[in-house]
Amino acid sequence: MMLLPSPLFLLSYLLATGPNADRTTGSGGRGRGGNLTQRPKRGRGGGGRGRGGRGAADGYGRSSGRSLGRKRYTREGTKKSNNSVDDLETRQEELSPLPPLTVPNGPRPFYFTCRHTYEHTLIDEINRYARRNGGEVHAMSPYPGLVRVEDNDGILPTFYDPVYALQSMPQSVVVTAESIKSISKQVINALLGVGSDDDDDDDESKIDRISQQQHNRLRSAERGSLSIHCLVPGMCKAQTKPVMQHRSDKIGEEIAKMTKKMFPAARKAATEEDPSTRWLLQVMLQSPNIAVASLVECQKKGPGQNSYWPNYVHPLGLAKVDIVEKMPSSAYRKLMEGIECMKITPKPKLTTVVDLGACPGGWTSVMRRLGCYVVAVDRSELDPVLMRDDMVEFIKGDAFTFEPIMAGIDKEQDCWMISDVIAYPERCTELLQRWC
């Protein structure tokens, strides 16, 4: 009687000799076998432990299903070009559409920056303002965190300050040129009416009215009052190394050299005292050859050294407020941003701060870092670390009914009230009227 081979033997034979044998004999898995008769080399090639593709060829690679190495191939499977220019052009396509160039005495667009994902909220706010004032504007977002507004009817005032905007570039000009020096000249000419290469300088149609006014006013501005911000769209998303940043910085340096020759405001201040006025020139590259620029005398908006609009201290209005150590909540950034942008701080050990609606304690933590005694009012307790802090007095109660006298605070005392409660505007207004 003939003996039949066992089913286990047949299964092993089929796996070893079938069309998919290379998938089970180590061609990309963790095992050492990529070939039954030849030991694979441990080079950098595909599938090995080197920097090549994972598990695509013989060796010690991982069979993860990724047949191509990370960062070296596109999602379509084609190898990435080493040419930085190609990469620049690809990333440039993210900003769309590119703005049309402005002309002398023609409409000038406004640009606003905002937190990423709040673009449509800001656009809605701007559109509502325009409709309330009997006009219309065309607002759109060409890039995350950036909003462009076409205001052909002149509805928006120069110092329009939307709630959701971090920074403003009012009455901007859009210019184009090839080289860094040429772009700088075009920016200066468009904003200040100087450095034109046109032969017919007497043509009144080419003399921009706004530029001429700005030129005359900047001539008489104080020394050290002009700040220059060099911007690129990637900064709106807080990218650490945004594309075109180096080119933008070089353009800013060139503009600084040109303006110093003509305007004392661009030169270093003669004294250590802060200038009484502040001017801000902003330049944002939209592509390597297209730049948006704005020049404005900033307007004082409130208490504090830096309370100006547009913000001449922080480019794009983005203050660096991140704290390394663990905080009770991320809400602390809002308070720190306000303090940093206004440059107004309480007096350490002399100021009592009342934090209404303090739980879990993000804002209380900020004030403790500034050395203040804090009275924290909320229905729920704070973070355990703050509850053990001798400089924090927790009072369980309602933020809207709490009175300063309840904490033993008199009118002569240096006292701040801070609050991050969620309520209807009417209730917040009543709260402020009771405390201010």
Foldseek 3Di string as FASTA:
>chain_A
DDDDDDPVVVVVVCCCPPPCVQVPQAFQDQDQGNDPPDTDDQDQEDRHPHQFHHRQGHYRGHPPVTRTGPPQADPVGHGDDPDVVVVQVVVLVLQPDDDDFDAAQAWFKKKFFFAFPCQVVQVVQVQVQQVVQPHGWDWDARHGRMIIIGDRPPSDDQQDDDPGTLAMFGRKGKFFDQALLVVLLVRLCVQQVPNDPDPCSVPPRRRHPNNPVVNVVQQPFAAQQEFEAQAERVVSNVDPDDPCSVSSVSSRVSNLVVCVVRGNNSHHHPDPDDGPWHKYWYWYDSGNTMIMIHIDTWDQDDAADQRTHRGRPDVSNDDDDDDDDDAQDPVLSVVVSVCVNRVDDDDAPQEEEEEAQQPQHSVVVVNVVVRHQYEYEEQDYYDPVLVPDPSYHYDHDHSLPDDPVVVVDDPVGRYHYHYDDDDDPVSVVVSVVRVD
